[in-house]
Amino acid sequence: MANHQRKLVLARMDEVFSTAAKERSQREDFVRDPHDTLSVPVWVLYEREKMHEAVNAERAALGLDPVSVLEVIKVENCAKGHVDYQRKFVLYCTELVFGDWGGP
Protein backbone atom coordinates (compact mmCIF):
# COMPACT_ATOMS: atom_id res chain seq x y z
CA MET A 1 0.00 0.00 0.00
CA ALA A 2 2.80 2.45 0.86
CA ASN A 3 4.37 2.08 -2.60
CA HIS A 4 0.99 2.70 -4.22
CA GLN A 5 0.49 5.79 -2.06
CA ARG A 6 3.94 7.08 -3.03
CA LYS A 7 3.14 6.66 -6.73
CA LEU A 8 -0.10 8.59 -6.30
CA VAL A 9 1.66 11.43 -4.51
CA LEU A 10 4.39 11.46 -7.18
CA ALA A 11 1.73 11.76 -9.89
CA ARG A 12 -0.01 14.61 -8.05
CA MET A 13 3.28 16.43 -7.52
CA ASP A 14 4.11 16.04 -11.22
CA GLU A 15 0.72 17.48 -12.13
CA VAL A 16 1.27 20.49 -9.86
CA PHE A 17 4.64 21.19 -11.45
CA SER A 18 3.38 20.65 -14.99
CA THR A 19 0.45 23.00 -14.45
CA ALA A 20 2.67 25.69 -12.94
CA ALA A 21 5.27 25.34 -15.71
CA LYS A 22 2.63 25.97 -18.38
CA GLU A 23 2.43 29.54 -17.10
CA ARG A 24 6.11 30.38 -17.57
CA SER A 25 5.44 32.71 -20.49
CA GLN A 26 3.26 34.83 -18.21
CA ARG A 27 6.06 35.26 -15.64
CA GLU A 28 9.20 36.13 -17.58
CA ASP A 29 10.21 39.28 -15.68
CA PHE A 30 13.26 39.01 -13.45
CA VAL A 31 13.20 39.69 -9.71
CA ARG A 32 15.62 39.14 -6.88
CA ASP A 33 15.24 35.74 -5.28
CA PRO A 34 14.41 36.44 -1.62
CA HIS A 35 16.47 33.41 -0.60
CA ASP A 36 19.54 34.19 -2.71
CA THR A 37 21.50 37.08 -4.16
CA LEU A 38 20.54 36.23 -7.73
CA SER A 39 17.85 37.62 -9.97
CA VAL A 40 15.57 34.94 -11.38
CA PRO A 41 12.53 34.86 -13.62
CA VAL A 42 9.32 35.21 -11.64
CA TRP A 43 8.28 31.76 -12.87
CA VAL A 44 11.07 30.20 -10.79
CA LEU A 45 9.59 31.62 -7.60
CA TYR A 46 6.06 30.73 -8.69
CA GLU A 47 6.90 27.09 -9.42
CA ARG A 48 8.84 26.81 -6.17
CA GLU A 49 5.91 28.18 -4.18
CA LYS A 50 3.43 25.87 -5.90
CA MET A 51 5.64 22.89 -5.07
CA HIS A 52 6.05 24.09 -1.48
CA GLU A 53 2.27 24.35 -1.14
CA ALA A 54 1.81 20.90 -2.68
CA VAL A 55 4.41 19.27 -0.42
CA ASN A 56 2.77 20.72 2.68
CA ALA A 57 -0.75 19.81 1.54
CA GLU A 58 0.37 16.20 1.07
CA ARG A 59 2.15 16.21 4.43
CA ALA A 60 -0.94 17.59 6.15
CA ALA A 61 -3.02 14.79 4.62
CA LEU A 62 -0.58 12.35 6.19
CA GLY A 63 -0.72 14.10 9.57
CA LEU A 64 2.83 15.42 9.23
CA ASP A 65 4.16 18.87 10.07
CA PRO A 66 4.85 21.31 7.24
CA VAL A 67 8.34 21.83 5.84
CA SER A 68 9.83 25.25 5.21
CA VAL A 69 10.36 26.69 1.76
CA LEU A 70 14.08 26.29 2.49
CA GLU A 71 13.65 22.50 2.32
CA VAL A 72 12.01 22.84 -1.09
CA ILE A 73 14.84 25.12 -2.20
CA LYS A 74 17.36 22.43 -1.16
CA VAL A 75 15.69 19.81 -3.34
CA GLU A 76 15.24 22.32 -6.15
CA ASN A 77 18.96 23.08 -6.06
CA CYS A 78 19.77 19.37 -6.28
CA ALA A 79 17.56 19.07 -9.37
CA LYS A 80 19.05 22.11 -11.12
CA GLY A 81 21.30 21.43 -14.07
CA HIS A 82 19.91 17.97 -14.75
CA VAL A 83 18.44 17.17 -18.13
CA ASP A 84 15.50 15.66 -16.25
CA TYR A 85 15.09 18.62 -13.88
CA GLN A 86 11.31 18.30 -13.62
CA ARG A 87 11.44 14.59 -12.84
CA LYS A 88 14.12 15.07 -10.20
CA PHE A 89 12.44 18.08 -8.59
CA VAL A 90 9.10 16.26 -8.43
CA LEU A 91 10.74 13.09 -7.07
CA TYR A 92 12.69 14.99 -4.41
CA CYS A 93 9.56 16.90 -3.39
CA THR A 94 7.74 13.58 -3.08
CA GLU A 95 10.53 12.37 -0.83
CA LEU A 96 10.05 15.51 1.28
CA VAL A 97 6.38 14.62 1.63
CA PHE A 98 7.27 11.29 3.21
CA GLY A 99 10.22 12.66 5.18
CA ASP A 100 12.80 10.48 3.48
CA TRP A 101 14.69 12.85 1.21
CA GLY A 102 18.31 11.83 1.58
CA GLY A 103 20.06 14.76 -0.09
CA PRO A 104 22.51 17.22 1.37
C-alpha atoms as a PDB file:
ATOM      1  CA  MET A   1       0.000   0.000   0.000  1.00  0.00           C
ATOM      2  CA  ALA A   2       2.800   2.447   0.856  1.00  0.00           C
ATOM      3  CA  ASN A   3       4.373   2.082  -2.600  1.00  0.00           C
ATOM      4  CA  HIS A   4       0.989   2.701  -4.224  1.00  0.00           C
ATOM      5  CA  GLN A   5       0.490   5.793  -2.063  1.00  0.00           C
ATOM      6  CA  ARG A   6       3.936   7.077  -3.027  1.00  0.00           C
ATOM      7  CA  LYS A   7       3.141   6.661  -6.732  1.00  0.00           C
ATOM      8  CA  LEU A   8      -0.104   8.590  -6.304  1.00  0.00           C
ATOM      9  CA  VAL A   9       1.662  11.429  -4.509  1.00  0.00           C
ATOM     10  CA  LEU A  10       4.388  11.458  -7.176  1.00  0.00           C
ATOM     11  CA  ALA A  11       1.728  11.763  -9.893  1.00  0.00           C
ATOM     12  CA  ARG A  12      -0.012  14.610  -8.055  1.00  0.00           C
ATOM     13  CA  MET A  13       3.278  16.427  -7.522  1.00  0.00           C
ATOM     14  CA  ASP A  14       4.107  16.036 -11.223  1.00  0.00           C
ATOM     15  CA  GLU A  15       0.719  17.477 -12.130  1.00  0.00           C
ATOM     16  CA  VAL A  16       1.270  20.489  -9.858  1.00  0.00           C
ATOM     17  CA  PHE A  17       4.639  21.188 -11.446  1.00  0.00           C
ATOM     18  CA  SER A  18       3.380  20.654 -14.993  1.00  0.00           C
ATOM     19  CA  THR A  19       0.451  23.000 -14.447  1.00  0.00           C
ATOM     20  CA  ALA A  20       2.665  25.692 -12.938  1.00  0.00           C
ATOM     21  CA  ALA A  21       5.274  25.342 -15.709  1.00  0.00           C
ATOM     22  CA  LYS A  22       2.632  25.966 -18.377  1.00  0.00           C
ATOM     23  CA  GLU A  23       2.429  29.538 -17.103  1.00  0.00           C
ATOM     24  CA  ARG A  24       6.108  30.379 -17.567  1.00  0.00           C
ATOM     25  CA  SER A  25       5.444  32.712 -20.493  1.00  0.00           C
ATOM     26  CA  GLN A  26       3.260  34.826 -18.210  1.00  0.00           C
ATOM     27  CA  ARG A  27       6.060  35.255 -15.644  1.00  0.00           C
ATOM     28  CA  GLU A  28       9.201  36.126 -17.583  1.00  0.00           C
ATOM     29  CA  ASP A  29      10.214  39.282 -15.679  1.00  0.00           C
ATOM     30  CA  PHE A  30      13.258  39.007 -13.446  1.00  0.00           C
ATOM     31  CA  VAL A  31      13.196  39.688  -9.708  1.00  0.00           C
ATOM     32  CA  ARG A  32      15.619  39.143  -6.883  1.00  0.00           C
ATOM     33  CA  ASP A  33      15.242  35.737  -5.283  1.00  0.00           C
ATOM     34  CA  PRO A  34      14.410  36.440  -1.620  1.00  0.00           C
ATOM     35  CA  HIS A  35      16.471  33.409  -0.595  1.00  0.00           C
ATOM     36  CA  ASP A  36      19.536  34.186  -2.714  1.00  0.00           C
ATOM     37  CA  THR A  37      21.501  37.077  -4.162  1.00  0.00           C
ATOM     38  CA  LEU A  38      20.535  36.234  -7.730  1.00  0.00           C
ATOM     39  CA  SER A  39      17.850  37.616  -9.970  1.00  0.00           C
ATOM     40  CA  VAL A  40      15.571  34.941 -11.382  1.00  0.00           C
ATOM     41  CA  PRO A  41      12.531  34.857 -13.620  1.00  0.00           C
ATOM     42  CA  VAL A  42       9.315  35.214 -11.643  1.00  0.00           C
ATOM     43  CA  TRP A  43       8.276  31.762 -12.871  1.00  0.00           C
ATOM     44  CA  VAL A  44      11.067  30.201 -10.795  1.00  0.00           C
ATOM     45  CA  LEU A  45       9.589  31.619  -7.601  1.00  0.00           C
ATOM     46  CA  TYR A  46       6.060  30.730  -8.691  1.00  0.00           C
ATOM     47  CA  GLU A  47       6.895  27.094  -9.416  1.00  0.00           C
ATOM     48  CA  ARG A  48       8.840  26.806  -6.168  1.00  0.00           C
ATOM     49  CA  GLU A  49       5.913  28.182  -4.177  1.00  0.00           C
ATOM     50  CA  LYS A  50       3.434  25.874  -5.900  1.00  0.00           C
ATOM     51  CA  MET A  51       5.640  22.886  -5.072  1.00  0.00           C
ATOM     52  CA  HIS A  52       6.053  24.090  -1.482  1.00  0.00           C
ATOM     53  CA  GLU A  53       2.267  24.351  -1.139  1.00  0.00           C
ATOM     54  CA  ALA A  54       1.812  20.896  -2.677  1.00  0.00           C
ATOM     55  CA  VAL A  55       4.414  19.273  -0.416  1.00  0.00           C
ATOM     56  CA  ASN A  56       2.770  20.716   2.684  1.00  0.00           C
ATOM     57  CA  ALA A  57      -0.745  19.805   1.535  1.00  0.00           C
ATOM     58  CA  GLU A  58       0.369  16.201   1.065  1.00  0.00           C
ATOM     59  CA  ARG A  59       2.154  16.213   4.425  1.00  0.00           C
ATOM     60  CA  ALA A  60      -0.940  17.595   6.147  1.00  0.00           C
ATOM     61  CA  ALA A  61      -3.021  14.795   4.616  1.00  0.00           C
ATOM     62  CA  LEU A  62      -0.583  12.346   6.191  1.00  0.00           C
ATOM     63  CA  GLY A  63      -0.721  14.100   9.567  1.00  0.00           C
ATOM     64  CA  LEU A  64       2.835  15.423   9.234  1.00  0.00           C
ATOM     65  CA  ASP A  65       4.157  18.869  10.067  1.00  0.00           C
ATOM     66  CA  PRO A  66       4.854  21.308   7.237  1.00  0.00           C
ATOM     67  CA  VAL A  67       8.343  21.829   5.835  1.00  0.00           C
ATOM     68  CA  SER A  68       9.827  25.251   5.211  1.00  0.00           C
ATOM     69  CA  VAL A  69      10.365  26.686   1.765  1.00  0.00           C
ATOM     70  CA  LEU A  70      14.082  26.289   2.487  1.00  0.00           C
ATOM     71  CA  GLU A  71      13.646  22.501   2.318  1.00  0.00           C
ATOM     72  CA  VAL A  72      12.007  22.840  -1.091  1.00  0.00           C
ATOM     73  CA  ILE A  73      14.844  25.116  -2.200  1.00  0.00           C
ATOM     74  CA  LYS A  74      17.357  22.434  -1.164  1.00  0.00           C
ATOM     75  CA  VAL A  75      15.689  19.807  -3.338  1.00  0.00           C
ATOM     76  CA  GLU A  76      15.240  22.325  -6.147  1.00  0.00           C
ATOM     77  CA  ASN A  77      18.960  23.079  -6.059  1.00  0.00           C
ATOM     78  CA  CYS A  78      19.773  19.372  -6.284  1.00  0.00           C
ATOM     79  CA  ALA A  79      17.564  19.068  -9.369  1.00  0.00           C
ATOM     80  CA  LYS A  80      19.047  22.115 -11.120  1.00  0.00           C
ATOM     81  CA  GLY A  81      21.297  21.427 -14.070  1.00  0.00           C
ATOM     82  CA  HIS A  82      19.912  17.970 -14.745  1.00  0.00           C
ATOM     83  CA  VAL A  83      18.437  17.175 -18.134  1.00  0.00           C
ATOM     84  CA  ASP A  84      15.503  15.656 -16.246  1.00  0.00           C
ATOM     85  CA  TYR A  85      15.093  18.625 -13.877  1.00  0.00           C
ATOM     86  CA  GLN A  86      11.307  18.296 -13.618  1.00  0.00           C
ATOM     87  CA  ARG A  87      11.443  14.590 -12.842  1.00  0.00           C
ATOM     88  CA  LYS A  88      14.124  15.067 -10.195  1.00  0.00           C
ATOM     89  CA  PHE A  89      12.435  18.082  -8.591  1.00  0.00           C
ATOM     90  CA  VAL A  90       9.100  16.258  -8.428  1.00  0.00           C
ATOM     91  CA  LEU A  91      10.745  13.095  -7.069  1.00  0.00           C
ATOM     92  CA  TYR A  92      12.691  14.991  -4.410  1.00  0.00           C
ATOM     93  CA  CYS A  93       9.556  16.901  -3.389  1.00  0.00           C
ATOM     94  CA  THR A  94       7.738  13.583  -3.076  1.00  0.00           C
ATOM     95  CA  GLU A  95      10.533  12.369  -0.826  1.00  0.00           C
ATOM     96  CA  LEU A  96      10.046  15.514   1.283  1.00  0.00           C
ATOM     97  CA  VAL A  97       6.384  14.619   1.634  1.00  0.00           C
ATOM     98  CA  PHE A  98       7.269  11.291   3.206  1.00  0.00           C
ATOM     99  CA  GLY A  99      10.223  12.657   5.177  1.00  0.00           C
ATOM    100  CA  ASP A 100      12.798  10.475   3.477  1.00  0.00           C
ATOM    101  CA  TRP A 101      14.688  12.852   1.214  1.00  0.00           C
ATOM    102  CA  GLY A 102      18.315  11.831   1.581  1.00  0.00           C
ATOM    103  CA  GLY A 103      20.061  14.758  -0.089  1.00  0.00           C
ATOM    104  CA  PRO A 104      22.511  17.219   1.373  1.00  0.00           C
END
